[in-house]
């Protein structure tokens, strides 16, 4: 397990500024998932899976936040379109993405492009990193994360 992820960060989100430490100090586990881009097929599927399981995450004592490099306006549209009950955070300057090491060179249509590698991090109620997934494949992922949260 990586120990290089930050114990705290603050980013602007669809519901105002989000502080990781404030959420864990409130006694909640936090699921932070990084995704490449609003309104793309894989990201839409992933967000929908977290949405559909969100009540279960809350029942397990966890909140979910999604992070990409998209603007708050893009996030607001994506959130409204999918009726997402959780916040989307905007990391336009890649500060938090870089701190978590999720910016990678990827192949897209035969070209090398810099982008976010789909990754998820679970912080326990004390703010300690409990589990991480990198290079995530979407099918079944949200359920696997929920299972990990329930095991905390």
N, C-alpha and C. Protein backbone atom coordinates (compact mmCIF):
# COMPACT_ATOMS: atom_id res chain seq x y z
N UNK A 1 0.84 -1.18 0.00
CA UNK A 1 0.00 0.00 0.00
C UNK A 1 0.89 1.24 0.00
N UNK A 2 0.52 2.19 -0.80
CA UNK A 2 1.30 3.42 -0.90
C UNK A 2 1.12 4.25 0.35
N UNK A 3 2.19 4.86 0.79
CA UNK A 3 2.08 5.80 1.90
C UNK A 3 2.34 7.22 1.41
N UNK A 4 2.37 7.41 0.11
CA UNK A 4 2.73 8.70 -0.45
C UNK A 4 1.52 9.59 -0.71
N UNK A 5 0.32 9.15 -0.34
CA UNK A 5 -0.84 10.00 -0.57
C UNK A 5 -1.00 10.98 0.59
N UNK A 6 -1.52 12.16 0.31
CA UNK A 6 -1.64 13.17 1.37
C UNK A 6 -2.71 12.79 2.39
N UNK A 7 -2.49 13.19 3.63
CA UNK A 7 -3.45 12.93 4.69
C UNK A 7 -4.57 13.97 4.66
N UNK A 8 -4.37 15.05 3.92
CA UNK A 8 -5.40 16.08 3.81
C UNK A 8 -5.24 16.83 2.50
N UNK A 9 -6.33 17.36 2.03
CA UNK A 9 -6.33 18.26 0.90
C UNK A 9 -7.64 19.04 0.94
N UNK A 10 -7.65 20.15 0.23
CA UNK A 10 -8.86 20.95 0.09
C UNK A 10 -9.02 21.25 -1.39
N UNK A 11 -10.23 21.03 -1.91
CA UNK A 11 -10.53 21.34 -3.30
C UNK A 11 -11.92 21.96 -3.39
N UNK A 12 -12.13 22.84 -4.39
CA UNK A 12 -13.48 23.34 -4.62
C UNK A 12 -14.35 22.24 -5.20
N UNK A 13 -15.59 22.19 -4.74
CA UNK A 13 -16.50 21.17 -5.22
C UNK A 13 -17.87 21.73 -5.52
N UNK A 14 -18.73 20.85 -6.00
CA UNK A 14 -20.07 21.25 -6.39
C UNK A 14 -20.89 21.70 -5.18
N UNK A 15 -20.45 21.36 -3.97
CA UNK A 15 -21.16 21.79 -2.77
C UNK A 15 -20.33 22.73 -1.92
N UNK A 16 -19.32 23.36 -2.51
CA UNK A 16 -18.40 24.23 -1.77
C UNK A 16 -17.07 23.52 -1.57
N UNK A 17 -16.18 24.16 -0.82
CA UNK A 17 -14.86 23.56 -0.59
C UNK A 17 -14.99 22.28 0.22
N UNK A 18 -14.21 21.28 -0.18
CA UNK A 18 -14.19 19.99 0.52
C UNK A 18 -12.83 19.84 1.18
N UNK A 19 -12.82 19.50 2.47
CA UNK A 19 -11.59 19.27 3.24
C UNK A 19 -11.61 17.81 3.69
N UNK A 20 -10.66 17.04 3.23
CA UNK A 20 -10.59 15.63 3.61
C UNK A 20 -10.53 15.46 5.12
N UNK A 21 -9.66 16.20 5.79
CA UNK A 21 -9.50 16.05 7.24
C UNK A 21 -10.78 16.38 7.99
N UNK A 22 -11.54 17.36 7.52
CA UNK A 22 -12.79 17.73 8.19
C UNK A 22 -13.78 16.57 8.14
N UNK A 23 -13.82 15.86 7.02
CA UNK A 23 -14.75 14.73 6.89
C UNK A 23 -14.35 13.59 7.81
N UNK A 24 -13.06 13.25 7.87
CA UNK A 24 -12.65 12.14 8.73
C UNK A 24 -12.73 12.55 10.20
N UNK A 25 -12.48 13.82 10.51
CA UNK A 25 -12.61 14.27 11.90
C UNK A 25 -14.06 14.23 12.35
N UNK A 26 -14.99 14.28 11.40
CA UNK A 26 -16.41 14.17 11.71
C UNK A 26 -16.81 12.70 11.90
N UNK A 27 -15.82 11.81 11.85
CA UNK A 27 -16.08 10.40 12.11
C UNK A 27 -16.56 9.62 10.90
N UNK A 28 -16.33 10.16 9.72
CA UNK A 28 -16.74 9.46 8.50
C UNK A 28 -15.54 8.87 7.79
N UNK A 29 -15.75 7.70 7.19
CA UNK A 29 -14.77 7.20 6.24
C UNK A 29 -15.01 7.99 4.95
N UNK A 30 -13.97 8.12 4.14
CA UNK A 30 -14.10 8.89 2.89
C UNK A 30 -13.58 8.06 1.73
N UNK A 31 -14.40 7.95 0.70
CA UNK A 31 -14.02 7.32 -0.56
C UNK A 31 -13.71 8.45 -1.53
N UNK A 32 -12.46 8.48 -2.01
CA UNK A 32 -12.04 9.48 -2.98
C UNK A 32 -11.75 8.74 -4.27
N UNK A 33 -12.56 9.02 -5.31
CA UNK A 33 -12.27 8.35 -6.58
C UNK A 33 -11.92 9.38 -7.64
N UNK A 34 -10.82 9.10 -8.34
CA UNK A 34 -10.33 9.95 -9.41
C UNK A 34 -10.80 9.35 -10.73
N UNK A 35 -11.30 10.21 -11.61
CA UNK A 35 -11.78 9.74 -12.91
C UNK A 35 -11.32 10.71 -13.99
N UNK A 36 -11.17 10.21 -15.23
CA UNK A 36 -10.59 11.05 -16.29
C UNK A 36 -11.40 12.27 -16.72
N UNK A 37 -12.71 12.11 -16.99
CA UNK A 37 -13.43 13.24 -17.60
C UNK A 37 -14.93 13.08 -17.44
N UNK A 38 -15.59 14.20 -17.12
CA UNK A 38 -17.05 14.23 -17.03
C UNK A 38 -17.67 13.80 -18.36
N UNK A 39 -18.81 13.14 -18.25
CA UNK A 39 -19.67 12.82 -19.40
C UNK A 39 -19.03 11.94 -20.46
N UNK A 40 -18.02 11.15 -20.09
CA UNK A 40 -17.46 10.16 -21.00
C UNK A 40 -18.05 8.81 -20.59
N UNK A 41 -18.06 7.84 -21.50
CA UNK A 41 -18.77 6.58 -21.21
C UNK A 41 -18.33 5.87 -19.93
N UNK A 42 -17.04 5.64 -19.75
CA UNK A 42 -16.57 4.93 -18.56
C UNK A 42 -16.83 5.70 -17.29
N UNK A 43 -16.63 7.01 -17.36
CA UNK A 43 -16.82 7.85 -16.17
C UNK A 43 -18.30 7.97 -15.81
N UNK A 44 -19.15 7.98 -16.81
CA UNK A 44 -20.59 8.01 -16.57
C UNK A 44 -21.04 6.71 -15.90
N UNK A 45 -20.53 5.58 -16.39
CA UNK A 45 -20.86 4.29 -15.79
C UNK A 45 -20.38 4.22 -14.35
N UNK A 46 -19.13 4.64 -14.12
CA UNK A 46 -18.56 4.58 -12.77
C UNK A 46 -19.35 5.47 -11.81
N UNK A 47 -19.64 6.70 -12.21
CA UNK A 47 -20.40 7.62 -11.35
C UNK A 47 -21.77 7.05 -11.05
N UNK A 48 -22.40 6.43 -12.04
CA UNK A 48 -23.72 5.82 -11.84
C UNK A 48 -23.68 4.69 -10.84
N UNK A 49 -22.59 3.91 -10.86
CA UNK A 49 -22.47 2.81 -9.90
C UNK A 49 -22.30 3.34 -8.48
N UNK A 50 -21.47 4.38 -8.31
CA UNK A 50 -21.33 4.98 -6.98
C UNK A 50 -22.66 5.62 -6.55
N UNK A 51 -23.37 6.24 -7.48
CA UNK A 51 -24.69 6.83 -7.17
C UNK A 51 -25.66 5.75 -6.68
N UNK A 52 -25.71 4.65 -7.41
CA UNK A 52 -26.68 3.60 -7.09
C UNK A 52 -26.39 2.94 -5.75
N UNK A 53 -25.14 2.98 -5.29
CA UNK A 53 -24.77 2.38 -4.01
C UNK A 53 -24.59 3.42 -2.90
N UNK A 54 -24.86 4.69 -3.21
CA UNK A 54 -24.53 5.76 -2.26
C UNK A 54 -25.23 5.59 -0.92
N UNK A 55 -26.50 5.20 -0.91
CA UNK A 55 -27.20 5.00 0.36
C UNK A 55 -26.50 3.93 1.19
N UNK A 56 -25.95 2.91 0.53
CA UNK A 56 -25.21 1.86 1.23
C UNK A 56 -23.90 2.39 1.81
N UNK A 57 -23.23 3.28 1.05
CA UNK A 57 -22.01 3.91 1.57
C UNK A 57 -22.33 4.73 2.82
N UNK A 58 -23.40 5.53 2.74
CA UNK A 58 -23.79 6.34 3.91
C UNK A 58 -24.12 5.45 5.10
N UNK A 59 -24.84 4.35 4.86
CA UNK A 59 -25.20 3.43 5.94
C UNK A 59 -23.96 2.80 6.57
N UNK A 60 -22.89 2.67 5.78
CA UNK A 60 -21.63 2.11 6.27
C UNK A 60 -20.74 3.19 6.90
N UNK A 61 -21.24 4.44 6.95
CA UNK A 61 -20.49 5.52 7.60
C UNK A 61 -19.48 6.19 6.72
N UNK A 62 -19.70 6.16 5.39
CA UNK A 62 -18.73 6.74 4.46
C UNK A 62 -19.38 7.75 3.53
N UNK A 63 -18.60 8.75 3.15
CA UNK A 63 -19.01 9.66 2.09
C UNK A 63 -18.14 9.38 0.87
N UNK A 64 -18.65 9.74 -0.29
CA UNK A 64 -17.96 9.53 -1.56
C UNK A 64 -17.74 10.88 -2.22
N UNK A 65 -16.56 11.11 -2.76
CA UNK A 65 -16.30 12.29 -3.60
C UNK A 65 -15.56 11.83 -4.85
N UNK A 66 -15.90 12.45 -5.96
CA UNK A 66 -15.21 12.20 -7.22
C UNK A 66 -14.35 13.39 -7.58
N UNK A 67 -13.17 13.12 -8.14
CA UNK A 67 -12.24 14.19 -8.52
C UNK A 67 -11.80 14.00 -9.96
N UNK A 68 -11.86 15.09 -10.74
CA UNK A 68 -11.23 15.12 -12.07
C UNK A 68 -10.70 16.53 -12.30
N UNK A 69 -10.12 16.73 -13.48
CA UNK A 69 -9.56 18.04 -13.82
C UNK A 69 -10.60 18.96 -14.45
N UNK A 70 -11.84 18.50 -14.56
CA UNK A 70 -12.89 19.30 -15.16
C UNK A 70 -13.23 20.51 -14.29
N UNK A 71 -13.85 21.52 -14.90
CA UNK A 71 -14.26 22.73 -14.19
C UNK A 71 -15.47 22.45 -13.31
N UNK A 72 -15.73 23.35 -12.37
CA UNK A 72 -16.91 23.22 -11.52
C UNK A 72 -18.20 23.28 -12.36
N UNK A 73 -18.18 24.09 -13.42
CA UNK A 73 -19.37 24.17 -14.29
C UNK A 73 -19.62 22.81 -14.96
N UNK A 74 -18.58 22.19 -15.48
CA UNK A 74 -18.71 20.87 -16.09
C UNK A 74 -19.21 19.86 -15.05
N UNK A 75 -18.63 19.92 -13.85
CA UNK A 75 -19.06 19.03 -12.77
C UNK A 75 -20.53 19.22 -12.43
N UNK A 76 -20.97 20.47 -12.35
CA UNK A 76 -22.37 20.75 -12.00
C UNK A 76 -23.31 20.15 -13.04
N UNK A 77 -22.95 20.27 -14.30
CA UNK A 77 -23.78 19.69 -15.37
C UNK A 77 -23.80 18.17 -15.30
N UNK A 78 -22.63 17.56 -15.10
CA UNK A 78 -22.50 16.11 -15.00
C UNK A 78 -23.30 15.59 -13.80
N UNK A 79 -23.15 16.28 -12.67
CA UNK A 79 -23.85 15.88 -11.45
C UNK A 79 -25.37 15.95 -11.65
N UNK A 80 -25.84 17.03 -12.27
CA UNK A 80 -27.28 17.20 -12.49
C UNK A 80 -27.81 16.16 -13.47
N UNK A 81 -27.06 15.91 -14.54
CA UNK A 81 -27.49 14.97 -15.56
C UNK A 81 -27.66 13.56 -14.99
N UNK A 82 -26.72 13.17 -14.12
CA UNK A 82 -26.75 11.81 -13.56
C UNK A 82 -27.44 11.74 -12.19
N UNK A 83 -27.90 12.91 -11.69
CA UNK A 83 -28.53 12.97 -10.37
C UNK A 83 -27.62 12.36 -9.31
N UNK A 84 -26.38 12.81 -9.28
CA UNK A 84 -25.40 12.28 -8.33
C UNK A 84 -25.63 12.88 -6.95
N UNK A 85 -25.72 12.05 -5.91
CA UNK A 85 -25.96 12.55 -4.56
C UNK A 85 -24.69 12.97 -3.82
N UNK A 86 -23.53 12.80 -4.45
CA UNK A 86 -22.26 13.12 -3.82
C UNK A 86 -21.58 14.26 -4.58
N UNK A 87 -20.55 14.83 -3.94
CA UNK A 87 -19.87 15.99 -4.51
C UNK A 87 -18.81 15.57 -5.53
N UNK A 88 -18.64 16.43 -6.52
CA UNK A 88 -17.56 16.30 -7.49
C UNK A 88 -16.60 17.46 -7.24
N UNK A 89 -15.32 17.14 -7.16
CA UNK A 89 -14.30 18.14 -6.85
C UNK A 89 -13.47 18.45 -8.08
N UNK A 90 -13.11 19.72 -8.20
CA UNK A 90 -12.38 20.19 -9.38
C UNK A 90 -10.91 20.42 -9.04
N UNK A 91 -10.04 19.72 -9.76
CA UNK A 91 -8.59 19.84 -9.57
C UNK A 91 -7.97 20.30 -10.89
N UNK A 92 -8.35 21.50 -11.33
CA UNK A 92 -7.93 21.99 -12.66
C UNK A 92 -6.42 22.16 -12.78
N UNK A 93 -5.74 22.43 -11.66
CA UNK A 93 -4.28 22.61 -11.74
C UNK A 93 -3.51 21.32 -11.41
N UNK A 94 -4.25 20.22 -11.18
CA UNK A 94 -3.67 18.90 -10.96
C UNK A 94 -2.88 18.76 -9.66
N UNK A 95 -3.03 19.69 -8.73
CA UNK A 95 -2.26 19.62 -7.48
C UNK A 95 -2.54 18.34 -6.71
N UNK A 96 -3.82 18.04 -6.51
CA UNK A 96 -4.19 16.84 -5.74
C UNK A 96 -3.94 15.58 -6.57
N UNK A 97 -4.23 15.65 -7.87
CA UNK A 97 -3.94 14.51 -8.76
C UNK A 97 -2.46 14.13 -8.69
N UNK A 98 -1.60 15.13 -8.72
CA UNK A 98 -0.16 14.86 -8.64
C UNK A 98 0.22 14.33 -7.27
N UNK A 99 -0.38 14.86 -6.21
CA UNK A 99 -0.07 14.40 -4.86
C UNK A 99 -0.42 12.92 -4.68
N UNK A 100 -1.49 12.49 -5.34
CA UNK A 100 -1.91 11.09 -5.27
C UNK A 100 -1.24 10.23 -6.34
N UNK A 101 -0.50 10.86 -7.26
CA UNK A 101 0.20 10.10 -8.29
C UNK A 101 -0.71 9.45 -9.31
N UNK A 102 -1.82 10.11 -9.66
CA UNK A 102 -2.76 9.51 -10.60
C UNK A 102 -2.66 10.06 -12.03
N UNK A 103 -1.77 11.03 -12.26
CA UNK A 103 -1.57 11.53 -13.63
C UNK A 103 -0.57 10.59 -14.32
N UNK A 104 -1.01 10.04 -15.43
CA UNK A 104 -0.18 9.07 -16.16
C UNK A 104 -0.21 9.37 -17.66
N UNK A 105 0.77 8.82 -18.36
CA UNK A 105 0.73 8.85 -19.82
C UNK A 105 -0.13 7.66 -20.25
N UNK A 106 -1.11 7.94 -21.11
CA UNK A 106 -2.03 6.89 -21.55
C UNK A 106 -2.12 6.91 -23.08
N UNK A 107 -2.48 5.77 -23.63
CA UNK A 107 -2.71 5.69 -25.06
C UNK A 107 -4.17 5.98 -25.35
N UNK A 108 -4.43 6.94 -26.23
CA UNK A 108 -5.78 7.23 -26.64
C UNK A 108 -5.79 7.35 -28.16
N UNK A 109 -6.46 6.41 -28.79
CA UNK A 109 -6.53 6.39 -30.25
C UNK A 109 -5.14 6.42 -30.87
N UNK A 110 -4.21 5.67 -30.24
CA UNK A 110 -2.86 5.53 -30.78
C UNK A 110 -1.92 6.66 -30.44
N UNK A 111 -2.38 7.66 -29.67
CA UNK A 111 -1.52 8.78 -29.28
C UNK A 111 -1.29 8.74 -27.77
N UNK A 112 -0.10 9.19 -27.37
CA UNK A 112 0.21 9.32 -25.95
C UNK A 112 -0.38 10.63 -25.42
N UNK A 113 -1.19 10.53 -24.38
CA UNK A 113 -1.77 11.72 -23.77
C UNK A 113 -1.63 11.62 -22.25
N UNK A 114 -1.48 12.77 -21.59
CA UNK A 114 -1.46 12.81 -20.13
C UNK A 114 -2.89 12.81 -19.65
N UNK A 115 -3.16 11.97 -18.68
CA UNK A 115 -4.52 11.95 -18.14
C UNK A 115 -4.56 11.28 -16.79
N UNK A 116 -5.75 11.28 -16.21
CA UNK A 116 -5.95 10.66 -14.91
C UNK A 116 -6.14 9.16 -15.08
N UNK A 117 -5.34 8.41 -14.34
CA UNK A 117 -5.55 6.96 -14.27
C UNK A 117 -6.66 6.73 -13.24
N UNK A 118 -7.71 6.06 -13.66
CA UNK A 118 -8.86 5.81 -12.77
C UNK A 118 -8.35 5.11 -11.51
N UNK A 119 -8.56 5.77 -10.36
CA UNK A 119 -8.02 5.29 -9.09
C UNK A 119 -8.98 5.64 -7.97
N UNK A 120 -8.98 4.81 -6.92
CA UNK A 120 -9.85 5.05 -5.77
C UNK A 120 -9.06 4.84 -4.49
N UNK A 121 -9.33 5.69 -3.51
CA UNK A 121 -8.65 5.64 -2.21
C UNK A 121 -9.71 5.68 -1.11
N UNK A 122 -9.58 4.82 -0.11
CA UNK A 122 -10.49 4.82 1.03
C UNK A 122 -9.70 5.24 2.27
N UNK A 123 -10.20 6.28 2.95
CA UNK A 123 -9.62 6.75 4.20
C UNK A 123 -10.57 6.33 5.32
N UNK A 124 -10.00 5.76 6.39
CA UNK A 124 -10.85 5.34 7.50
C UNK A 124 -11.28 6.55 8.33
N UNK A 125 -12.02 6.30 9.39
CA UNK A 125 -12.60 7.37 10.20
C UNK A 125 -11.54 8.18 10.95
N UNK A 126 -10.29 7.69 11.00
CA UNK A 126 -9.22 8.43 11.66
C UNK A 126 -8.39 9.22 10.64
N UNK A 127 -8.74 9.11 9.36
CA UNK A 127 -8.02 9.82 8.33
C UNK A 127 -6.86 9.04 7.74
N UNK A 128 -6.69 7.79 8.16
CA UNK A 128 -5.61 6.95 7.65
C UNK A 128 -6.04 6.27 6.35
N UNK A 129 -5.12 6.21 5.40
CA UNK A 129 -5.40 5.50 4.16
C UNK A 129 -5.59 4.02 4.47
N UNK A 130 -6.77 3.49 4.13
CA UNK A 130 -7.08 2.10 4.45
C UNK A 130 -6.90 1.19 3.25
N UNK A 131 -7.21 1.69 2.05
CA UNK A 131 -7.07 0.87 0.85
C UNK A 131 -7.00 1.77 -0.37
N UNK A 132 -6.33 1.27 -1.41
CA UNK A 132 -6.27 2.00 -2.68
C UNK A 132 -6.37 1.03 -3.84
N UNK A 133 -6.94 1.53 -4.91
CA UNK A 133 -7.02 0.80 -6.17
C UNK A 133 -6.49 1.73 -7.25
N UNK A 134 -5.61 1.23 -8.10
CA UNK A 134 -5.09 2.01 -9.22
C UNK A 134 -5.37 1.25 -10.51
N UNK A 135 -5.49 1.97 -11.63
CA UNK A 135 -5.77 1.31 -12.90
C UNK A 135 -7.10 0.58 -12.85
N UNK A 136 -8.09 1.22 -12.25
CA UNK A 136 -9.40 0.61 -12.00
C UNK A 136 -10.13 0.26 -13.30
N UNK A 137 -10.72 -0.92 -13.30
CA UNK A 137 -11.69 -1.32 -14.33
C UNK A 137 -13.07 -1.09 -13.71
N UNK A 138 -13.96 -0.44 -14.44
CA UNK A 138 -15.22 0.03 -13.87
C UNK A 138 -16.17 -1.09 -13.42
N UNK A 139 -16.39 -2.14 -14.21
CA UNK A 139 -17.42 -3.12 -13.81
C UNK A 139 -17.16 -3.71 -12.42
N UNK A 140 -18.12 -3.55 -11.52
CA UNK A 140 -18.02 -4.12 -10.19
C UNK A 140 -17.16 -3.34 -9.21
N UNK A 141 -16.51 -2.27 -9.65
CA UNK A 141 -15.57 -1.56 -8.79
C UNK A 141 -16.27 -0.91 -7.59
N UNK A 142 -17.36 -0.19 -7.82
CA UNK A 142 -18.04 0.51 -6.72
C UNK A 142 -18.46 -0.49 -5.64
N UNK A 143 -18.91 -1.67 -6.04
CA UNK A 143 -19.29 -2.70 -5.06
C UNK A 143 -18.07 -3.17 -4.27
N UNK A 144 -16.93 -3.35 -4.93
CA UNK A 144 -15.71 -3.76 -4.25
C UNK A 144 -15.28 -2.70 -3.22
N UNK A 145 -15.43 -1.43 -3.59
CA UNK A 145 -15.10 -0.34 -2.66
C UNK A 145 -16.05 -0.38 -1.47
N UNK A 146 -17.34 -0.56 -1.72
CA UNK A 146 -18.32 -0.64 -0.64
C UNK A 146 -17.99 -1.80 0.30
N UNK A 147 -17.61 -2.93 -0.24
CA UNK A 147 -17.24 -4.08 0.57
C UNK A 147 -16.05 -3.73 1.47
N UNK A 148 -15.07 -3.00 0.93
CA UNK A 148 -13.89 -2.60 1.71
C UNK A 148 -14.30 -1.64 2.82
N UNK A 149 -15.19 -0.70 2.52
CA UNK A 149 -15.66 0.25 3.54
C UNK A 149 -16.38 -0.50 4.66
N UNK A 150 -17.21 -1.45 4.30
CA UNK A 150 -17.94 -2.22 5.33
C UNK A 150 -16.99 -3.01 6.21
N UNK A 151 -15.82 -3.37 5.69
CA UNK A 151 -14.85 -4.16 6.45
C UNK A 151 -13.98 -3.31 7.39
N UNK A 152 -14.10 -1.99 7.30
CA UNK A 152 -13.27 -1.11 8.15
C UNK A 152 -13.60 -1.30 9.62
